[in-house]
């Protein structure tokens, strides 16, 4: 009987040593949360507002077409390897989006 011998693989994890903080003022019209960045390794978004924040992976966010909805004090981690533009729109203009981009 032959024994199963899987091939070995080397996995290199992407790491970051830089965090770039930005603050995005809430808006009832679509705004850019993060510009496209091919060097992005990750990002976080915290909704520091009492209104809902609708995040879209693309140039224009709406309250009916979005990737994720963050309630007040909601937190979101951008999926690994997404480097495109991220936009957002709030249900009311109060507070900010606190963003950290890891490069």
N, C-alpha and C. Protein backbone atom coordinates (compact mmCIF):
# COMPACT_ATOMS: atom_id res chain seq x y z
N UNK A 1 0.84 -1.16 0.00
CA UNK A 1 0.00 0.00 0.00
C UNK A 1 0.90 1.24 0.00
N UNK A 2 0.61 2.20 -0.88
CA UNK A 2 1.39 3.42 -0.97
C UNK A 2 0.86 4.44 0.05
N UNK A 3 1.76 5.17 0.65
CA UNK A 3 1.38 6.22 1.59
C UNK A 3 1.26 7.54 0.84
N UNK A 4 0.27 8.34 1.24
CA UNK A 4 0.09 9.67 0.64
C UNK A 4 1.18 10.59 1.14
N UNK A 5 1.86 11.23 0.24
CA UNK A 5 2.94 12.14 0.58
C UNK A 5 2.71 13.46 -0.14
N UNK A 6 2.02 14.42 0.49
CA UNK A 6 1.74 15.69 -0.18
C UNK A 6 3.03 16.48 -0.40
N UNK A 7 3.05 17.20 -1.50
CA UNK A 7 4.20 18.08 -1.77
C UNK A 7 4.20 19.22 -0.77
N UNK A 8 5.35 19.68 -0.42
CA UNK A 8 5.42 20.79 0.50
C UNK A 8 5.34 22.09 -0.28
N UNK A 9 4.78 23.07 0.35
CA UNK A 9 4.64 24.39 -0.28
C UNK A 9 5.13 25.44 0.70
N UNK A 10 5.71 26.48 0.17
CA UNK A 10 6.15 27.59 0.98
C UNK A 10 5.12 28.70 0.87
N UNK A 11 4.66 29.19 2.01
CA UNK A 11 3.69 30.27 2.04
C UNK A 11 4.36 31.50 2.61
N UNK A 12 4.29 32.58 1.86
CA UNK A 12 4.84 33.85 2.31
C UNK A 12 3.68 34.80 2.60
N UNK A 13 3.54 35.19 3.84
CA UNK A 13 2.46 36.10 4.22
C UNK A 13 2.87 37.53 3.95
N UNK A 14 1.90 38.31 3.47
CA UNK A 14 2.13 39.73 3.24
C UNK A 14 2.09 40.44 4.58
N UNK A 15 3.06 41.28 4.84
CA UNK A 15 3.09 42.03 6.09
C UNK A 15 3.12 43.52 5.80
N UNK A 16 2.80 44.29 6.80
CA UNK A 16 2.78 45.74 6.67
C UNK A 16 3.47 46.34 7.88
N UNK A 17 4.24 47.40 7.65
CA UNK A 17 4.85 48.11 8.76
C UNK A 17 4.45 49.58 8.77
N UNK A 18 3.46 49.92 7.92
CA UNK A 18 3.02 51.30 7.83
C UNK A 18 1.50 51.37 7.87
N UNK A 19 0.97 52.24 8.73
CA UNK A 19 -0.46 52.51 8.82
C UNK A 19 -0.68 53.99 8.52
N UNK A 20 -1.49 54.27 7.52
CA UNK A 20 -1.75 55.65 7.13
C UNK A 20 -3.17 56.01 7.58
N UNK A 21 -3.29 56.87 8.61
CA UNK A 21 -4.62 57.24 9.09
C UNK A 21 -5.20 58.40 8.29
N UNK A 22 -6.49 58.33 8.01
CA UNK A 22 -7.21 59.44 7.39
C UNK A 22 -8.59 59.54 8.02
N UNK A 23 -9.16 60.72 7.97
CA UNK A 23 -10.52 60.96 8.44
C UNK A 23 -11.33 61.46 7.26
N UNK A 24 -12.48 60.84 7.04
CA UNK A 24 -13.37 61.22 5.94
C UNK A 24 -14.65 61.75 6.56
N UNK A 25 -14.98 63.02 6.25
CA UNK A 25 -16.21 63.61 6.78
C UNK A 25 -17.43 62.92 6.20
N UNK A 26 -18.43 62.66 7.04
CA UNK A 26 -19.65 62.01 6.56
C UNK A 26 -20.34 62.91 5.54
N UNK A 27 -21.06 62.25 4.62
CA UNK A 27 -21.73 62.97 3.54
C UNK A 27 -22.94 62.16 3.08
N UNK A 28 -23.98 62.85 2.66
CA UNK A 28 -25.16 62.17 2.11
C UNK A 28 -25.04 62.01 0.60
N UNK A 29 -23.88 62.38 0.05
CA UNK A 29 -23.54 62.07 -1.34
C UNK A 29 -22.29 61.20 -1.31
N UNK A 30 -22.11 60.40 -2.33
CA UNK A 30 -20.98 59.45 -2.36
C UNK A 30 -19.64 60.18 -2.31
N UNK A 31 -18.75 59.68 -1.44
CA UNK A 31 -17.40 60.23 -1.31
C UNK A 31 -16.39 59.09 -1.37
N UNK A 32 -15.15 59.43 -1.70
CA UNK A 32 -14.09 58.43 -1.71
C UNK A 32 -13.60 58.20 -0.29
N UNK A 33 -13.65 56.95 0.15
CA UNK A 33 -13.12 56.56 1.46
C UNK A 33 -11.63 56.26 1.30
N UNK A 34 -11.28 55.48 0.28
CA UNK A 34 -9.88 55.18 -0.06
C UNK A 34 -9.72 55.17 -1.57
N UNK A 35 -8.70 55.85 -2.04
CA UNK A 35 -8.37 55.81 -3.47
C UNK A 35 -7.74 54.45 -3.80
N UNK A 36 -7.77 54.10 -5.04
CA UNK A 36 -7.12 52.87 -5.49
C UNK A 36 -5.64 52.94 -5.14
N UNK A 37 -5.07 51.84 -4.65
CA UNK A 37 -3.67 51.82 -4.25
C UNK A 37 -3.13 50.41 -4.40
N UNK A 38 -2.29 50.20 -5.42
CA UNK A 38 -1.75 48.86 -5.67
C UNK A 38 -0.81 48.39 -4.57
N UNK A 39 -0.37 49.29 -3.69
CA UNK A 39 0.51 48.91 -2.58
C UNK A 39 -0.26 48.58 -1.30
N UNK A 40 -1.59 48.70 -1.33
CA UNK A 40 -2.39 48.43 -0.13
C UNK A 40 -2.33 46.95 0.24
N UNK A 41 -2.06 46.70 1.51
CA UNK A 41 -2.06 45.32 2.02
C UNK A 41 -3.27 45.05 2.89
N UNK A 42 -3.93 46.10 3.30
CA UNK A 42 -5.13 45.97 4.12
C UNK A 42 -5.65 47.34 4.49
N UNK A 43 -6.83 47.38 5.08
CA UNK A 43 -7.40 48.64 5.53
C UNK A 43 -8.52 48.36 6.52
N UNK A 44 -8.77 49.33 7.38
CA UNK A 44 -9.89 49.26 8.31
C UNK A 44 -10.68 50.55 8.21
N UNK A 45 -11.98 50.44 8.48
CA UNK A 45 -12.87 51.61 8.46
C UNK A 45 -13.73 51.53 9.72
N UNK A 46 -13.76 52.61 10.46
CA UNK A 46 -14.61 52.71 11.64
C UNK A 46 -15.61 53.83 11.40
N UNK A 47 -16.89 53.55 11.54
CA UNK A 47 -17.94 54.55 11.36
C UNK A 47 -18.14 55.31 12.67
N UNK A 48 -17.47 56.45 12.79
CA UNK A 48 -17.57 57.30 13.97
C UNK A 48 -18.70 58.31 13.76
N UNK A 49 -19.91 57.79 13.61
CA UNK A 49 -21.09 58.59 13.31
C UNK A 49 -22.29 57.90 13.94
N UNK A 50 -23.38 58.64 14.13
CA UNK A 50 -24.62 58.02 14.60
C UNK A 50 -25.46 57.53 13.43
N UNK A 51 -25.04 57.82 12.20
CA UNK A 51 -25.76 57.40 10.99
C UNK A 51 -25.12 56.15 10.40
N UNK A 52 -25.87 55.44 9.59
CA UNK A 52 -25.32 54.27 8.89
C UNK A 52 -24.37 54.72 7.78
N UNK A 53 -23.30 53.95 7.60
CA UNK A 53 -22.34 54.18 6.52
C UNK A 53 -22.44 53.00 5.56
N UNK A 54 -22.67 53.30 4.29
CA UNK A 54 -22.75 52.28 3.25
C UNK A 54 -21.46 52.34 2.44
N UNK A 55 -20.71 51.24 2.43
CA UNK A 55 -19.41 51.16 1.75
C UNK A 55 -19.58 50.41 0.44
N UNK A 56 -18.94 50.90 -0.60
CA UNK A 56 -18.98 50.24 -1.90
C UNK A 56 -17.55 50.06 -2.44
N UNK A 57 -17.26 48.87 -2.97
CA UNK A 57 -16.01 48.64 -3.67
C UNK A 57 -16.21 49.14 -5.09
N UNK A 58 -15.88 50.38 -5.31
CA UNK A 58 -16.08 51.03 -6.60
C UNK A 58 -16.19 52.53 -6.39
N UNK A 59 -16.43 53.25 -7.48
CA UNK A 59 -16.38 54.70 -7.47
C UNK A 59 -17.59 55.37 -6.84
N UNK A 60 -18.76 54.70 -6.81
CA UNK A 60 -19.97 55.35 -6.32
C UNK A 60 -20.75 54.44 -5.38
N UNK A 61 -20.95 54.90 -4.16
CA UNK A 61 -21.77 54.18 -3.20
C UNK A 61 -23.17 54.77 -3.19
N UNK A 62 -24.17 53.93 -2.99
CA UNK A 62 -25.54 54.39 -2.77
C UNK A 62 -26.09 53.62 -1.58
N UNK A 63 -27.22 54.09 -1.06
CA UNK A 63 -27.83 53.41 0.07
C UNK A 63 -28.59 52.16 -0.37
N UNK A 64 -28.66 51.92 -1.68
CA UNK A 64 -29.33 50.72 -2.17
C UNK A 64 -28.40 49.75 -2.88
N UNK A 65 -27.20 50.20 -3.24
CA UNK A 65 -26.20 49.33 -3.89
C UNK A 65 -24.87 49.54 -3.17
N UNK A 66 -24.49 48.56 -2.35
CA UNK A 66 -23.29 48.72 -1.52
C UNK A 66 -22.71 47.36 -1.18
N UNK A 67 -21.46 47.37 -0.73
CA UNK A 67 -20.76 46.15 -0.34
C UNK A 67 -21.03 45.81 1.12
N UNK A 68 -21.01 46.80 1.99
CA UNK A 68 -21.22 46.57 3.42
C UNK A 68 -21.90 47.78 4.04
N UNK A 69 -22.73 47.51 5.04
CA UNK A 69 -23.42 48.57 5.79
C UNK A 69 -22.88 48.58 7.20
N UNK A 70 -22.33 49.73 7.61
CA UNK A 70 -21.80 49.87 8.96
C UNK A 70 -22.76 50.72 9.78
N UNK A 71 -23.27 50.17 10.86
CA UNK A 71 -24.10 50.93 11.79
C UNK A 71 -23.21 51.89 12.57
N UNK A 72 -23.82 52.73 13.39
CA UNK A 72 -23.06 53.64 14.24
C UNK A 72 -22.02 52.85 15.03
N UNK A 73 -20.80 53.35 15.08
CA UNK A 73 -19.66 52.69 15.74
C UNK A 73 -19.28 51.37 15.10
N UNK A 74 -19.73 51.12 13.87
CA UNK A 74 -19.39 49.89 13.18
C UNK A 74 -17.95 49.90 12.69
N UNK A 75 -17.39 48.71 12.56
CA UNK A 75 -15.99 48.52 12.16
C UNK A 75 -15.95 47.53 11.01
N UNK A 76 -15.07 47.78 10.03
CA UNK A 76 -14.97 46.92 8.85
C UNK A 76 -13.51 46.73 8.48
N UNK A 77 -13.14 45.51 8.16
CA UNK A 77 -11.81 45.21 7.65
C UNK A 77 -11.93 44.88 6.17
N UNK A 78 -11.20 45.61 5.35
CA UNK A 78 -11.23 45.40 3.91
C UNK A 78 -10.60 44.04 3.61
N UNK A 79 -11.24 43.25 2.75
CA UNK A 79 -10.69 41.93 2.43
C UNK A 79 -9.27 42.01 1.89
N UNK A 80 -8.49 41.04 2.29
CA UNK A 80 -7.09 40.93 1.89
C UNK A 80 -6.97 41.01 0.37
N UNK A 81 -6.04 41.77 -0.10
CA UNK A 81 -5.69 41.93 -1.53
C UNK A 81 -6.62 42.85 -2.31
N UNK A 82 -7.66 43.47 -1.71
CA UNK A 82 -8.47 44.42 -2.46
C UNK A 82 -7.74 45.75 -2.49
N UNK A 83 -7.38 46.22 -3.68
CA UNK A 83 -6.60 47.45 -3.81
C UNK A 83 -7.34 48.55 -4.57
N UNK A 84 -8.58 48.30 -4.95
CA UNK A 84 -9.34 49.28 -5.72
C UNK A 84 -9.92 50.39 -4.87
N UNK A 85 -10.63 51.30 -5.53
CA UNK A 85 -11.25 52.44 -4.86
C UNK A 85 -12.39 51.95 -3.97
N UNK A 86 -12.55 52.61 -2.83
CA UNK A 86 -13.65 52.34 -1.90
C UNK A 86 -14.39 53.65 -1.67
N UNK A 87 -15.68 53.63 -1.90
CA UNK A 87 -16.49 54.83 -1.69
C UNK A 87 -17.48 54.59 -0.56
N UNK A 88 -18.09 55.67 -0.08
CA UNK A 88 -19.05 55.55 1.00
C UNK A 88 -20.08 56.65 0.95
N UNK A 89 -21.21 56.38 1.57
CA UNK A 89 -22.28 57.37 1.72
C UNK A 89 -22.97 57.10 3.05
N UNK A 90 -23.31 58.15 3.77
CA UNK A 90 -23.98 58.03 5.06
C UNK A 90 -25.47 58.31 4.90
N UNK A 91 -26.27 57.77 5.81
CA UNK A 91 -27.71 58.04 5.79
C UNK A 91 -28.03 59.44 6.32
N UNK A 92 -27.09 60.05 7.03
CA UNK A 92 -27.18 61.44 7.50
C UNK A 92 -25.76 61.95 7.68
N UNK A 93 -25.56 63.23 7.49
CA UNK A 93 -24.21 63.80 7.60
C UNK A 93 -23.92 64.23 9.03
N UNK A 94 -23.29 63.34 9.79
CA UNK A 94 -22.77 63.68 11.12
C UNK A 94 -21.65 62.70 11.44
N UNK A 95 -20.60 63.20 11.98
CA UNK A 95 -19.46 62.34 12.32
C UNK A 95 -18.52 62.13 11.14
N UNK A 96 -17.71 61.07 11.26
CA UNK A 96 -16.66 60.80 10.29
C UNK A 96 -16.46 59.31 10.08
N UNK A 97 -15.72 58.99 9.05
CA UNK A 97 -15.18 57.67 8.86
C UNK A 97 -13.71 57.73 9.23
N UNK A 98 -13.26 56.88 10.13
CA UNK A 98 -11.86 56.84 10.53
C UNK A 98 -11.22 55.65 9.82
N UNK A 99 -10.25 55.94 8.98
CA UNK A 99 -9.70 54.94 8.07
C UNK A 99 -8.22 54.72 8.36
N UNK A 100 -7.80 53.48 8.29
CA UNK A 100 -6.38 53.13 8.39
C UNK A 100 -6.05 52.26 7.19
N UNK A 101 -5.11 52.74 6.37
CA UNK A 101 -4.66 51.96 5.23
C UNK A 101 -3.28 51.39 5.54
N UNK A 102 -3.13 50.09 5.37
CA UNK A 102 -1.87 49.40 5.65
C UNK A 102 -1.13 49.19 4.34
N UNK A 103 0.11 49.67 4.31
CA UNK A 103 0.91 49.54 3.09
C UNK A 103 2.24 48.89 3.42
